[in-house]
Structures are given as C-alpha cells and as structure tokens.
Amino acid sequence: MRQLTNAEIDKLAARASVKKVAVENFLGTLYEPAGRSCNMVNAYADAKCYKWNTATICAIVDGIKLAYK
C-alpha cells in the first residue's frame, strides 16, 4: 500500500455529488497494516453508519484501490 497524495484525494473528492469531507478524512487515514480487505470493510461499515451516497462510496473505494495498486 502507498499513501495517496493530496492531489489524488482532492481529485476523488471533487467528483459530482461526493461528500468531500468524508472522502478526504477516510482516504487520508487509510490503515496499512489492516490490509485492503479490512479497509474496504471499514469503508462499507462507515457508509452504512453515516449514510453516504453512492458517489461518495465509489470515490472512497476507488481511492482504496488506487492506494493498493
């Protein structure tokens, strides 16, 4: 896993209908030892808890995939 750059996070957070703060906060604090699957599970758990819209979830999932690419 690599840490996403601010520019990468900003680009994901700038997508239409995305909750910018949610994307910035989640992707800025990805937890490397947890692994990709754990970060994905956390994203979906947070999405349910905070009632994120589909665009926000997709931006976060795409960010996780990018970090593990």
Protein backbone atom coordinates (compact mmCIF):
# COMPACT_ATOMS: atom_id res chain seq x y z
CA MET A 1 0.00 0.00 0.00
CA ARG A 2 1.12 3.52 -0.64
CA GLN A 3 -0.15 6.76 0.87
CA LEU A 4 -2.33 8.69 -1.55
CA THR A 5 -1.17 12.18 -2.45
CA ASN A 6 -3.27 15.20 -1.56
CA ALA A 7 -3.83 15.78 -5.26
CA GLU A 8 -5.19 12.25 -5.74
CA ILE A 9 -7.52 12.60 -2.75
CA ASP A 10 -8.66 16.05 -3.92
CA LYS A 11 -9.44 14.67 -7.38
CA LEU A 12 -11.59 11.88 -5.91
CA ALA A 13 -13.29 14.30 -3.51
CA ALA A 14 -14.12 16.70 -6.36
CA ARG A 15 -16.37 14.22 -8.16
CA ALA A 16 -20.00 15.17 -8.60
CA SER A 17 -22.30 14.54 -5.60
CA VAL A 18 -19.42 13.35 -3.40
CA LYS A 19 -19.30 14.27 0.29
CA LYS A 20 -15.87 15.89 0.14
CA VAL A 21 -15.06 15.75 3.87
CA ALA A 22 -15.90 12.04 4.06
CA VAL A 23 -13.57 11.19 1.17
CA GLU A 24 -10.75 13.37 2.47
CA ASN A 25 -10.98 12.03 6.00
CA PHE A 26 -11.31 8.37 5.09
CA LEU A 27 -8.62 8.25 2.41
CA GLY A 28 -6.27 10.42 4.45
CA THR A 29 -6.30 7.85 7.25
CA LEU A 30 -6.07 4.51 5.45
CA TYR A 31 -4.59 1.93 7.80
CA GLU A 32 -1.82 -0.03 6.08
CA PRO A 33 -1.42 -2.98 8.49
CA ALA A 34 -5.15 -3.70 8.20
CA GLY A 35 -4.84 -4.55 4.53
CA ARG A 36 -7.01 -3.81 1.53
CA SER A 37 -9.94 -6.03 2.50
CA CYS A 38 -10.15 -4.56 6.02
CA ASN A 39 -10.09 -1.01 4.63
CA MET A 40 -12.90 -1.97 2.23
CA VAL A 41 -14.98 -3.43 5.07
CA ASN A 42 -14.40 -0.27 7.12
CA ALA A 43 -15.49 1.87 4.16
CA TYR A 44 -18.77 -0.01 3.76
CA ALA A 45 -19.41 -0.01 7.52
CA ASP A 46 -18.82 3.75 7.66
CA ALA A 47 -21.02 4.22 4.57
CA LYS A 48 -23.89 2.49 6.31
CA CYS A 49 -23.34 4.32 9.59
CA TYR A 50 -23.02 7.79 8.04
CA LYS A 51 -25.49 7.18 5.19
CA TRP A 52 -23.04 8.10 2.45
CA ASN A 53 -24.40 8.31 -1.08
CA THR A 54 -23.23 6.06 -3.90
CA ALA A 55 -20.89 8.67 -5.38
CA THR A 56 -19.08 9.03 -2.05
CA ILE A 57 -18.73 5.27 -1.60
CA CYS A 58 -17.40 4.87 -5.15
CA ALA A 59 -14.83 7.63 -4.65
CA ILE A 60 -13.58 6.02 -1.43
CA VAL A 61 -13.46 2.52 -2.94
CA ASP A 62 -11.59 3.87 -5.98
CA GLY A 63 -9.15 5.58 -3.61
CA ILE A 64 -8.52 2.35 -1.71
CA LYS A 65 -7.92 0.51 -4.97
CA LEU A 66 -5.50 3.24 -6.08
CA ALA A 67 -3.57 3.01 -2.81
CA TYR A 68 -3.11 -0.74 -3.25
CA LYS A 69 -2.34 -0.61 -6.99
